[in-house]
Amino acid sequence: MQQNKNIDGIIVVNKPRGMTSFDVVAKVRRAVGQKRVGHAGTLDPNVDGVLVVALGKATKLIDELQKRRKQYVGTITLGFATETEDLDGTVISEIPIQKPFSDSDIDQAILHLNGEIKQVPPMFSAVKVNGKRLYEYARAGEVVERPVRDAMIYDFKRTSDVIYQNQQQKFDFEATVSKGTYIRTLAIDTGTHLGIPATMTSLTRTIGSGMTLDQASELSDIMTLERTALLELIIPIKNLLTWPSKILTDDEWFAVKNGQKITTWPASDKYLQLIYRDEIKAVYAYNKEDGIWQSRYVFANE
């Protein structure tokens, strides 16, 4: 695709399995013909579903997009565990289930994992310990103490009958969670409450950064669309923000475009989208300690 004016916004991709999130970003980067591209929330290679890819100035919003709730559907299998907590890893524990767990037993285990919980990240994850990612330790055969992390599980529930086969049990689930939640570990912890090894055997993200699977485009389509059609898939920055808006006067715009702090606006615990001549220029945040409004994101200064 020939070089054109940079695109600012997001494109929602239905990431296929067998591909890293970085691979998807690289392909979108080629499709749109610009360098400034990133994603809001990594998906493991064997996970498909919603991957929000930010373009141009929208990359500044990645930290905010990642704070939004995520939703997944998948399958948990009871009776064995792997080193990666999913099907990518070698089996490290296996206990044949002689007497199947009841639906009630499984539902009670799931119920224990709703609300605020603590999680220990998988060894095969990108969390850093002493400046080194956990998966680097794991690949070297080293085990290190992992940090305990907070997670919020808004809704975790079983969505199918429990199937008993080959001395294992499996069931489908849906989970709506906060940023930083490891769904693989949610599967492991379900097994822990039952006293049995468990593995997440399939996973699809259905909602990410507030975007749904219905809004997602196939990566193969994105790679082949003409630019005009591709642009129709872009969600602009103004459609991503939910904070209150303020229309700037000429004097206010002069102050904002020069990065000045504002003391005359009423205090608020919400960010302000700043609009000038029908264009979003910046987002300001109120600093309660100093009693001033100051720049949080800048999208344009001209």
Protein backbone atom coordinates (compact mmCIF):
# COMPACT_ATOMS: atom_id res chain seq x y z
CA MET A 1 0.00 0.00 0.00
CA GLN A 2 1.35 3.41 -0.88
CA GLN A 3 2.21 5.87 1.84
CA ASN A 4 -0.68 8.12 2.82
CA LYS A 5 -1.59 10.39 5.66
CA ASN A 6 -1.24 8.58 8.99
CA ILE A 7 -4.37 7.03 10.45
CA ASP A 8 -5.38 7.83 14.04
CA GLY A 9 -7.81 5.42 15.68
CA ILE A 10 -8.21 1.73 16.35
CA ILE A 11 -9.02 -1.32 14.31
CA VAL A 12 -10.54 -4.37 15.99
CA VAL A 13 -8.97 -7.60 14.77
CA ASN A 14 -10.21 -11.15 15.22
CA LYS A 15 -6.80 -12.62 15.98
CA PRO A 16 -6.41 -16.13 14.60
CA ARG A 17 -4.86 -18.92 16.63
CA GLY A 18 -1.24 -19.83 15.96
CA MET A 19 -0.11 -16.21 15.70
CA THR A 20 1.37 -13.84 18.28
CA SER A 21 -0.12 -10.43 19.00
CA PHE A 22 3.14 -8.91 17.74
CA ASP A 23 2.66 -10.76 14.42
CA VAL A 24 -0.80 -9.20 14.08
CA VAL A 25 0.55 -5.72 14.77
CA ALA A 26 3.26 -6.23 12.15
CA LYS A 27 0.71 -7.25 9.52
CA VAL A 28 -1.62 -4.33 10.34
CA ARG A 29 1.39 -2.00 10.18
CA ARG A 30 2.06 -3.17 6.62
CA ALA A 31 -1.61 -2.94 5.68
CA VAL A 32 -2.00 0.69 6.80
CA GLY A 33 1.48 1.75 5.69
CA GLN A 34 2.59 3.45 8.90
CA LYS A 35 4.98 2.63 11.74
CA ARG A 36 3.09 3.85 14.78
CA VAL A 37 0.95 0.82 15.60
CA GLY A 38 0.45 -1.07 18.88
CA HIS A 39 -2.04 -3.34 20.61
CA ALA A 40 -4.10 -3.08 23.80
CA GLY A 41 -3.70 -6.39 25.60
CA THR A 42 -1.64 -9.39 24.53
CA LEU A 43 -3.28 -12.64 23.47
CA ASP A 44 -1.27 -15.85 23.66
CA PRO A 45 -0.60 -17.56 20.31
CA ASN A 46 -3.16 -20.33 20.94
CA VAL A 47 -5.90 -17.83 21.88
CA ASP A 48 -8.12 -16.21 19.27
CA GLY A 49 -10.59 -13.33 19.40
CA VAL A 50 -10.62 -9.60 20.00
CA LEU A 51 -7.29 -7.80 19.66
CA VAL A 52 -7.60 -4.03 19.63
CA VAL A 53 -4.86 -2.49 17.47
CA ALA A 54 -4.17 1.23 17.97
CA LEU A 55 -2.94 3.41 15.13
CA GLY A 56 -1.11 6.73 15.19
CA LYS A 57 -2.12 9.05 18.02
CA ALA A 58 -4.50 6.43 19.41
CA THR A 59 -1.45 4.52 20.68
CA LYS A 60 -1.33 7.11 23.46
CA LEU A 61 -4.59 5.65 24.76
CA ILE A 62 -3.40 2.05 25.06
CA ASP A 63 -3.00 2.28 28.83
CA GLU A 64 -6.59 3.53 29.17
CA LEU A 65 -7.98 0.95 26.74
CA GLN A 66 -6.32 -1.84 28.70
CA LYS A 67 -8.12 -0.79 31.89
CA ARG A 68 -11.48 -1.71 30.42
CA ARG A 69 -13.09 -5.05 31.21
CA LYS A 70 -12.32 -8.11 29.13
CA GLN A 71 -14.52 -11.11 28.48
CA TYR A 72 -13.51 -14.63 27.48
CA VAL A 73 -15.16 -17.90 26.63
CA GLY A 74 -13.32 -21.20 26.73
CA THR A 75 -13.02 -24.71 28.05
CA ILE A 76 -11.48 -26.05 31.27
CA THR A 77 -10.43 -29.69 31.48
CA LEU A 78 -9.99 -31.39 34.86
CA GLY A 79 -7.60 -34.27 35.38
CA PHE A 80 -4.26 -33.03 34.08
CA ALA A 81 -2.02 -29.96 34.19
CA THR A 82 0.72 -28.65 31.90
CA GLU A 83 3.76 -26.47 32.48
CA THR A 84 2.15 -23.60 30.55
CA GLU A 85 -1.36 -24.06 32.04
CA ASP A 86 -2.72 -24.59 28.51
CA LEU A 87 -2.27 -27.11 25.69
CA ASP A 88 1.02 -25.58 24.55
CA GLY A 89 2.98 -27.14 27.39
CA THR A 90 4.18 -30.56 28.48
CA VAL A 91 1.91 -32.46 30.87
CA ILE A 92 3.39 -32.23 34.38
CA SER A 93 0.59 -33.74 36.46
CA GLU A 94 -2.19 -36.20 35.74
CA ILE A 95 -4.79 -37.70 38.07
CA PRO A 96 -7.49 -39.90 36.52
CA ILE A 97 -10.92 -38.95 37.82
CA GLN A 98 -12.50 -42.15 39.13
CA LYS A 99 -15.57 -40.52 40.63
CA PRO A 100 -16.75 -37.50 38.61
CA PHE A 101 -17.26 -34.21 40.40
CA SER A 102 -20.86 -33.08 40.56
CA ASP A 103 -22.04 -29.95 38.80
CA SER A 104 -22.53 -28.41 42.22
CA ASP A 105 -18.93 -29.18 43.25
CA ILE A 106 -17.61 -27.49 40.12
CA ASP A 107 -19.93 -24.50 40.42
CA GLN A 108 -18.86 -23.96 44.03
CA ALA A 109 -15.19 -23.98 43.00
CA ILE A 110 -15.97 -21.39 40.33
CA LEU A 111 -17.95 -19.29 42.80
CA HIS A 112 -14.88 -19.05 45.07
CA LEU A 113 -13.04 -17.33 42.22
CA ASN A 114 -15.54 -14.51 41.69
CA GLY A 115 -14.80 -11.05 43.08
CA GLU A 116 -11.41 -9.75 44.22
CA ILE A 117 -8.83 -12.53 44.12
CA LYS A 118 -5.08 -13.05 44.26
CA GLN A 119 -3.24 -14.73 41.40
CA VAL A 120 0.28 -16.05 40.92
CA PRO A 121 1.28 -15.46 37.26
CA PRO A 122 2.21 -18.53 35.20
CA MET A 123 5.93 -19.27 34.80
CA PHE A 124 5.32 -19.05 31.08
CA SER A 125 4.28 -15.39 31.09
CA ALA A 126 5.81 -11.99 30.35
CA VAL A 127 5.81 -10.78 33.96
CA LYS A 128 9.26 -9.51 34.95
CA VAL A 129 11.13 -10.68 38.06
CA ASN A 130 14.51 -9.07 38.71
CA GLY A 131 14.50 -7.57 35.23
CA LYS A 132 13.92 -10.88 33.48
CA ARG A 133 10.65 -12.23 32.08
CA LEU A 134 9.23 -15.35 33.72
CA TYR A 135 9.14 -17.30 30.46
CA GLU A 136 12.90 -16.78 30.14
CA TYR A 137 13.42 -18.44 33.52
CA ALA A 138 10.99 -21.21 32.54
CA ARG A 139 12.74 -21.94 29.25
CA ALA A 140 16.04 -22.17 31.13
CA GLY A 141 14.53 -24.67 33.52
CA GLU A 142 14.63 -22.25 36.44
CA VAL A 143 11.82 -21.65 38.92
CA VAL A 144 11.67 -18.32 40.74
CA GLU A 145 9.34 -16.84 43.31
CA ARG A 146 6.53 -15.11 41.49
CA PRO A 147 4.76 -11.93 42.64
CA VAL A 148 1.20 -12.29 43.86
CA ARG A 149 -1.10 -10.02 41.87
CA ASP A 150 -4.59 -8.63 42.47
CA ALA A 151 -7.33 -9.38 39.96
CA MET A 152 -11.02 -8.62 39.79
CA ILE A 153 -13.28 -11.35 38.47
CA TYR A 154 -16.57 -9.63 37.68
CA ASP A 155 -18.35 -12.76 36.47
CA PHE A 156 -16.98 -16.30 36.09
CA LYS A 157 -19.49 -19.06 35.36
CA ARG A 158 -19.94 -22.44 33.76
CA THR A 159 -21.87 -22.27 30.47
CA SER A 160 -22.20 -25.91 29.44
CA ASP A 161 -22.91 -29.35 30.78
CA VAL A 162 -19.94 -31.10 32.38
CA ILE A 163 -18.67 -33.93 30.17
CA TYR A 164 -16.96 -36.96 31.71
CA GLN A 165 -14.76 -38.85 29.26
CA ASN A 166 -11.49 -40.82 29.46
CA GLN A 167 -11.37 -40.20 33.23
CA GLN A 168 -11.36 -36.46 32.69
CA GLN A 169 -14.07 -33.81 32.98
CA LYS A 170 -14.46 -30.70 30.90
CA PHE A 171 -16.88 -27.80 30.65
CA ASP A 172 -17.22 -24.46 28.92
CA PHE A 173 -17.06 -21.18 30.80
CA GLU A 174 -17.43 -17.43 30.41
CA ALA A 175 -15.35 -14.95 32.39
CA THR A 176 -15.50 -11.16 32.58
CA VAL A 177 -12.34 -9.87 34.23
CA SER A 178 -10.09 -6.90 34.93
CA LYS A 179 -6.79 -6.02 33.35
CA GLY A 180 -3.96 -8.32 34.36
CA THR A 181 -6.09 -11.42 34.96
CA TYR A 182 -4.62 -14.70 33.74
CA ILE A 183 -7.44 -16.90 32.48
CA ARG A 184 -5.06 -19.88 32.37
CA THR A 185 -4.50 -19.42 36.08
CA LEU A 186 -8.25 -19.11 36.66
CA ALA A 187 -8.55 -22.59 35.19
CA ILE A 188 -5.72 -23.91 37.38
CA ASP A 189 -7.25 -22.37 40.50
CA THR A 190 -10.61 -23.96 39.70
CA GLY A 191 -8.86 -27.31 39.80
CA THR A 192 -7.04 -26.39 43.01
CA HIS A 193 -10.36 -25.79 44.78
CA LEU A 194 -11.43 -29.27 43.66
CA GLY A 195 -8.11 -30.87 44.58
CA ILE A 196 -7.40 -31.91 40.99
CA PRO A 197 -5.00 -30.68 38.27
CA ALA A 198 -6.66 -28.60 35.56
CA THR A 199 -5.82 -27.00 32.24
CA MET A 200 -7.36 -24.32 30.06
CA THR A 201 -7.89 -26.25 26.83
CA SER A 202 -9.41 -23.51 24.67
CA LEU A 203 -9.87 -19.76 24.93
CA THR A 204 -11.41 -16.95 22.88
CA ARG A 205 -11.55 -13.27 23.87
CA THR A 206 -15.02 -11.97 23.04
CA ILE A 207 -14.62 -8.45 24.48
CA GLY A 208 -11.45 -6.40 24.78
CA SER A 209 -11.10 -2.69 25.59
CA GLY A 210 -14.86 -2.37 25.28
CA MET A 211 -14.85 -3.77 21.74
CA THR A 212 -16.76 -6.94 20.88
CA LEU A 213 -16.07 -9.85 18.58
CA ASP A 214 -18.93 -8.63 16.36
CA GLN A 215 -16.91 -5.47 15.70
CA ALA A 216 -13.77 -7.38 14.77
CA SER A 217 -12.48 -7.88 11.24
CA GLU A 218 -10.62 -10.91 9.97
CA LEU A 219 -6.90 -10.30 9.61
CA SER A 220 -6.94 -11.79 6.11
CA ASP A 221 -9.54 -9.20 5.06
CA ILE A 222 -7.54 -6.33 6.56
CA MET A 223 -4.48 -7.41 4.59
CA THR A 224 -6.30 -7.38 1.25
CA LEU A 225 -8.67 -4.41 1.47
CA GLU A 226 -8.15 -1.28 -0.60
CA ARG A 227 -7.32 1.75 1.51
CA THR A 228 -10.79 3.31 1.18
CA ALA A 229 -12.42 0.14 2.48
CA LEU A 230 -9.77 -0.21 5.19
CA LEU A 231 -10.45 3.29 6.46
CA GLU A 232 -14.09 2.35 6.99
CA LEU A 233 -12.96 -0.16 9.63
CA ILE A 234 -11.13 2.46 11.69
CA ILE A 235 -12.82 3.67 14.88
CA PRO A 236 -11.68 7.29 15.43
CA ILE A 237 -10.28 8.56 18.72
CA LYS A 238 -13.36 10.66 19.46
CA ASN A 239 -15.49 7.49 19.48
CA LEU A 240 -13.25 5.79 22.04
CA LEU A 241 -13.49 8.35 24.82
CA THR A 242 -16.30 8.53 27.35
CA TRP A 243 -15.13 11.47 29.46
CA PRO A 244 -16.97 14.83 29.54
CA SER A 245 -16.12 17.27 26.75
CA LYS A 246 -15.22 20.96 26.95
CA ILE A 247 -15.30 23.34 24.00
CA LEU A 248 -12.26 25.60 24.21
CA THR A 249 -12.27 29.33 23.63
CA ASP A 250 -9.46 30.83 21.56
CA ASP A 251 -7.61 31.85 24.73
CA GLU A 252 -8.05 28.42 26.30
CA TRP A 253 -6.80 26.74 23.15
CA PHE A 254 -3.71 28.95 23.16
CA ALA A 255 -2.97 27.80 26.71
CA VAL A 256 -3.65 24.13 25.96
CA LYS A 257 -1.59 23.94 22.78
CA ASN A 258 1.33 25.39 24.71
CA GLY A 259 0.96 22.80 27.44
CA GLN A 260 -0.07 25.28 30.11
CA LYS A 261 -1.78 24.26 33.34
CA ILE A 262 -5.29 25.60 34.00
CA THR A 263 -6.52 26.85 37.38
CA THR A 264 -9.84 28.45 36.43
CA TRP A 265 -11.89 25.34 35.53
CA PRO A 266 -14.05 23.66 38.21
CA ALA A 267 -12.49 20.65 39.95
CA SER A 268 -13.53 17.19 38.79
CA ASP A 269 -12.53 13.57 39.33
CA LYS A 270 -13.04 12.86 35.63
CA TYR A 271 -10.80 13.63 32.70
CA LEU A 272 -11.88 16.35 30.24
CA GLN A 273 -11.84 15.96 26.48
CA LEU A 274 -10.82 19.30 25.03
CA ILE A 275 -12.41 20.27 21.73
CA TYR A 276 -11.41 23.14 19.48
CA ARG A 277 -13.03 23.79 16.11
CA ASP A 278 -14.80 20.42 16.20
CA GLU A 279 -11.57 18.49 16.72
CA ILE A 280 -10.38 16.75 19.86
CA LYS A 281 -7.04 18.28 20.73
CA ALA A 282 -6.14 16.89 24.14
CA VAL A 283 -7.32 15.35 27.38
CA TYR A 284 -6.68 17.12 30.68
CA ALA A 285 -6.73 15.65 34.20
CA TYR A 286 -7.37 17.47 37.47
CA ASN A 287 -4.57 17.34 40.03
CA LYS A 288 -6.33 17.58 43.40
CA GLU A 289 -3.12 18.06 45.34
CA ASP A 290 -2.09 21.15 43.38
CA GLY A 291 -5.59 22.33 42.40
CA ILE A 292 -4.77 22.50 38.69
CA TRP A 293 -5.77 20.95 35.39
CA GLN A 294 -2.86 19.55 33.42
CA SER A 295 -2.20 17.64 30.24
CA ARG A 296 -2.87 13.88 30.24
CA TYR A 297 -2.96 13.18 26.49
CA VAL A 298 -2.15 15.48 23.59
CA PHE A 299 -3.42 14.63 20.11
CA ALA A 300 -2.73 17.90 18.27
CA ASN A 301 -1.16 21.29 19.03
CA GLU A 302 -2.00 23.15 15.88
